[in-house]
Amino acid sequence: MDSPVPPLAATDNPKRLTTRHELVPNPVALSRAALAVADERLRQVTRYGHSAEADDAAPRQHLLRLGHVFLLDAADLLSRRPGPAELTRVRRKAIQAAALCLSEIERIDRELAAGAD
């Protein structure tokens, strides 16, 4: 299970931190989740053709609203005292939602870059 990012202790100096990775106690566990999101995004592109061009052609809010649906479904599953099989489904839905959010962030970045030209 991924460990959460611990809060800063009173003795920690946030200005001393050089990277955000110093706040993460176990970057290997975090990277497993991040890799799962990247794999899902690749699956969305290769299996369903959801490329950057297709994302740009989709109506605004579509990607975020779809991600929201996945997250609501995951939250509903969590509210029922899930067992291992349900937790696996919750994880899968969270990964799908995160990949959709990632594609929306990429779309926003492209729009901002185009506006800067």
C-alpha atoms as a PDB file:
ATOM      1  CA  MET A   1       0.000   0.000   0.000  1.00  0.00           C
ATOM      2  CA  ASP A   2       1.291   3.476  -0.819  1.00  0.00           C
ATOM      3  CA  SER A   3       2.254   5.496   2.221  1.00  0.00           C
ATOM      4  CA  PRO A   4       0.889   9.024   2.498  1.00  0.00           C
ATOM      5  CA  VAL A   5       3.124  12.064   2.455  1.00  0.00           C
ATOM      6  CA  PRO A   6       3.812  12.900   6.106  1.00  0.00           C
ATOM      7  CA  PRO A   7       3.090  16.409   7.357  1.00  0.00           C
ATOM      8  CA  LEU A   8       6.067  18.645   7.945  1.00  0.00           C
ATOM      9  CA  ALA A   9       7.359  18.418  11.479  1.00  0.00           C
ATOM     10  CA  ALA A  10       7.881  21.570  13.523  1.00  0.00           C
ATOM     11  CA  THR A  11      11.627  21.065  13.124  1.00  0.00           C
ATOM     12  CA  ASP A  12      11.467  20.827   9.315  1.00  0.00           C
ATOM     13  CA  ASN A  13      12.382  23.901   7.336  1.00  0.00           C
ATOM     14  CA  PRO A  14      10.334  23.970   4.097  1.00  0.00           C
ATOM     15  CA  LYS A  15      12.810  26.416   2.552  1.00  0.00           C
ATOM     16  CA  ARG A  16      15.586  23.840   3.000  1.00  0.00           C
ATOM     17  CA  LEU A  17      13.795  21.294   0.815  1.00  0.00           C
ATOM     18  CA  THR A  18      15.258  21.307  -2.664  1.00  0.00           C
ATOM     19  CA  THR A  19      12.699  19.049  -4.327  1.00  0.00           C
ATOM     20  CA  ARG A  20       9.235  17.756  -3.595  1.00  0.00           C
ATOM     21  CA  HIS A  21      10.643  14.246  -3.611  1.00  0.00           C
ATOM     22  CA  GLU A  22      12.244  14.929  -0.258  1.00  0.00           C
ATOM     23  CA  LEU A  23       8.742  15.027   1.214  1.00  0.00           C
ATOM     24  CA  VAL A  24       7.940  11.540  -0.074  1.00  0.00           C
ATOM     25  CA  PRO A  25       9.050   8.797   2.310  1.00  0.00           C
ATOM     26  CA  ASN A  26       9.020   6.012  -0.295  1.00  0.00           C
ATOM     27  CA  PRO A  27       9.364   7.203  -3.901  1.00  0.00           C
ATOM     28  CA  VAL A  28       9.302   3.602  -5.186  1.00  0.00           C
ATOM     29  CA  ALA A  29       5.754   3.070  -3.890  1.00  0.00           C
ATOM     30  CA  LEU A  30       4.665   6.405  -5.306  1.00  0.00           C
ATOM     31  CA  SER A  31       6.233   5.661  -8.667  1.00  0.00           C
ATOM     32  CA  ARG A  32       4.263   2.393  -8.857  1.00  0.00           C
ATOM     33  CA  ALA A  33       1.049   4.407  -8.750  1.00  0.00           C
ATOM     34  CA  ALA A  34       2.413   7.002 -11.164  1.00  0.00           C
ATOM     35  CA  LEU A  35       3.490   4.266 -13.571  1.00  0.00           C
ATOM     36  CA  ALA A  36       0.030   2.727 -13.386  1.00  0.00           C
ATOM     37  CA  VAL A  37      -1.459   6.088 -14.412  1.00  0.00           C
ATOM     38  CA  ALA A  38       1.024   6.419 -17.282  1.00  0.00           C
ATOM     39  CA  ASP A  39       0.225   2.858 -18.408  1.00  0.00           C
ATOM     40  CA  GLU A  40      -3.488   3.635 -18.336  1.00  0.00           C
ATOM     41  CA  ARG A  41      -2.985   6.782 -20.392  1.00  0.00           C
ATOM     42  CA  LEU A  42      -1.009   4.755 -22.939  1.00  0.00           C
ATOM     43  CA  ARG A  43      -3.833   2.189 -23.030  1.00  0.00           C
ATOM     44  CA  GLN A  44      -6.357   4.974 -23.629  1.00  0.00           C
ATOM     45  CA  VAL A  45      -4.306   6.238 -26.563  1.00  0.00           C
ATOM     46  CA  THR A  46      -3.420   2.902 -28.166  1.00  0.00           C
ATOM     47  CA  ARG A  47      -6.639   0.984 -27.580  1.00  0.00           C
ATOM     48  CA  TYR A  48      -9.208   3.745 -27.946  1.00  0.00           C
ATOM     49  CA  GLY A  49      -7.371   6.366 -30.000  1.00  0.00           C
ATOM     50  CA  HIS A  50      -7.591   9.065 -27.331  1.00  0.00           C
ATOM     51  CA  SER A  51      -4.592  10.954 -28.665  1.00  0.00           C
ATOM     52  CA  ALA A  52      -3.763  14.584 -27.967  1.00  0.00           C
ATOM     53  CA  GLU A  53      -5.642  15.526 -31.135  1.00  0.00           C
ATOM     54  CA  ALA A  54      -8.727  13.581 -30.050  1.00  0.00           C
ATOM     55  CA  ASP A  55      -8.543  15.120 -26.577  1.00  0.00           C
ATOM     56  CA  ASP A  56      -8.318  18.596 -28.096  1.00  0.00           C
ATOM     57  CA  ALA A  57     -11.385  17.880 -30.237  1.00  0.00           C
ATOM     58  CA  ALA A  58     -13.463  16.733 -27.267  1.00  0.00           C
ATOM     59  CA  PRO A  59     -15.801  19.267 -25.664  1.00  0.00           C
ATOM     60  CA  ARG A  60     -14.351  21.256 -22.787  1.00  0.00           C
ATOM     61  CA  GLN A  61     -14.892  19.603 -19.431  1.00  0.00           C
ATOM     62  CA  HIS A  62     -15.457  16.183 -21.040  1.00  0.00           C
ATOM     63  CA  LEU A  63     -12.256  14.592 -19.726  1.00  0.00           C
ATOM     64  CA  LEU A  64     -12.674  15.998 -16.227  1.00  0.00           C
ATOM     65  CA  ARG A  65     -16.350  15.051 -16.053  1.00  0.00           C
ATOM     66  CA  LEU A  66     -15.556  11.509 -17.165  1.00  0.00           C
ATOM     67  CA  GLY A  67     -12.803  11.301 -14.543  1.00  0.00           C
ATOM     68  CA  HIS A  68     -15.293  12.583 -11.989  1.00  0.00           C
ATOM     69  CA  VAL A  69     -17.660   9.713 -12.855  1.00  0.00           C
ATOM     70  CA  PHE A  70     -14.879   7.190 -12.235  1.00  0.00           C
ATOM     71  CA  LEU A  71     -14.032   8.822  -8.904  1.00  0.00           C
ATOM     72  CA  LEU A  72     -17.656   8.881  -7.744  1.00  0.00           C
ATOM     73  CA  ASP A  73     -17.971   5.205  -8.588  1.00  0.00           C
ATOM     74  CA  ALA A  74     -14.765   4.461  -6.684  1.00  0.00           C
ATOM     75  CA  ALA A  75     -15.979   6.455  -3.683  1.00  0.00           C
ATOM     76  CA  ASP A  76     -19.267   4.557  -3.731  1.00  0.00           C
ATOM     77  CA  LEU A  77     -17.395   1.249  -3.693  1.00  0.00           C
ATOM     78  CA  LEU A  78     -15.258   2.430  -0.775  1.00  0.00           C
ATOM     79  CA  SER A  79     -18.317   3.339   1.280  1.00  0.00           C
ATOM     80  CA  ARG A  80     -19.387  -0.335   1.382  1.00  0.00           C
ATOM     81  CA  ARG A  81     -16.481  -1.758   3.421  1.00  0.00           C
ATOM     82  CA  PRO A  82     -14.744  -3.226   0.378  1.00  0.00           C
ATOM     83  CA  GLY A  83     -12.837  -6.456   0.322  1.00  0.00           C
ATOM     84  CA  PRO A  84      -9.699  -7.080  -1.756  1.00  0.00           C
ATOM     85  CA  ALA A  85     -11.592  -7.500  -5.041  1.00  0.00           C
ATOM     86  CA  GLU A  86     -13.489  -4.247  -4.534  1.00  0.00           C
ATOM     87  CA  LEU A  87     -10.314  -2.426  -3.507  1.00  0.00           C
ATOM     88  CA  THR A  88      -8.720  -3.570  -6.749  1.00  0.00           C
ATOM     89  CA  ARG A  89     -11.688  -2.085  -8.631  1.00  0.00           C
ATOM     90  CA  VAL A  90     -11.397   1.149  -6.636  1.00  0.00           C
ATOM     91  CA  ARG A  91      -7.696   1.359  -7.497  1.00  0.00           C
ATOM     92  CA  ARG A  92      -8.445   0.723 -11.179  1.00  0.00           C
ATOM     93  CA  LYS A  93     -11.107   3.437 -11.289  1.00  0.00           C
ATOM     94  CA  ALA A  94      -8.804   5.895  -9.505  1.00  0.00           C
ATOM     95  CA  ILE A  95      -6.061   5.147 -12.041  1.00  0.00           C
ATOM     96  CA  GLN A  96      -8.476   5.707 -14.927  1.00  0.00           C
ATOM     97  CA  ALA A  97      -9.615   8.993 -13.405  1.00  0.00           C
ATOM     98  CA  ALA A  98      -6.034  10.130 -12.841  1.00  0.00           C
ATOM     99  CA  ALA A  99      -5.143   9.331 -16.453  1.00  0.00           C
ATOM    100  CA  LEU A 100      -8.101  11.407 -17.638  1.00  0.00           C
ATOM    101  CA  CYS A 101      -6.999  14.269 -15.388  1.00  0.00           C
ATOM    102  CA  LEU A 102      -3.493  13.957 -16.798  1.00  0.00           C
ATOM    103  CA  SER A 103      -4.821  14.234 -20.337  1.00  0.00           C
ATOM    104  CA  GLU A 104      -6.845  17.317 -19.371  1.00  0.00           C
ATOM    105  CA  ILE A 105      -3.756  18.926 -17.823  1.00  0.00           C
ATOM    106  CA  GLU A 106      -1.839  18.179 -21.021  1.00  0.00           C
ATOM    107  CA  ARG A 107      -4.649  19.739 -23.053  1.00  0.00           C
ATOM    108  CA  ILE A 108      -4.581  22.869 -20.885  1.00  0.00           C
ATOM    109  CA  ASP A 109      -0.802  23.055 -21.277  1.00  0.00           C
ATOM    110  CA  ARG A 110      -1.140  22.858 -25.058  1.00  0.00           C
ATOM    111  CA  GLU A 111      -3.778  25.589 -25.036  1.00  0.00           C
ATOM    112  CA  LEU A 112      -1.619  27.833 -22.864  1.00  0.00           C
ATOM    113  CA  ALA A 113       1.423  27.215 -25.058  1.00  0.00           C
ATOM    114  CA  ALA A 114      -0.578  28.046 -28.180  1.00  0.00           C
ATOM    115  CA  GLY A 115      -1.789  31.272 -26.567  1.00  0.00           C
ATOM    116  CA  ALA A 116       1.770  32.259 -25.653  1.00  0.00           C
ATOM    117  CA  ASP A 117       2.874  32.127 -29.304  1.00  0.00           C
END
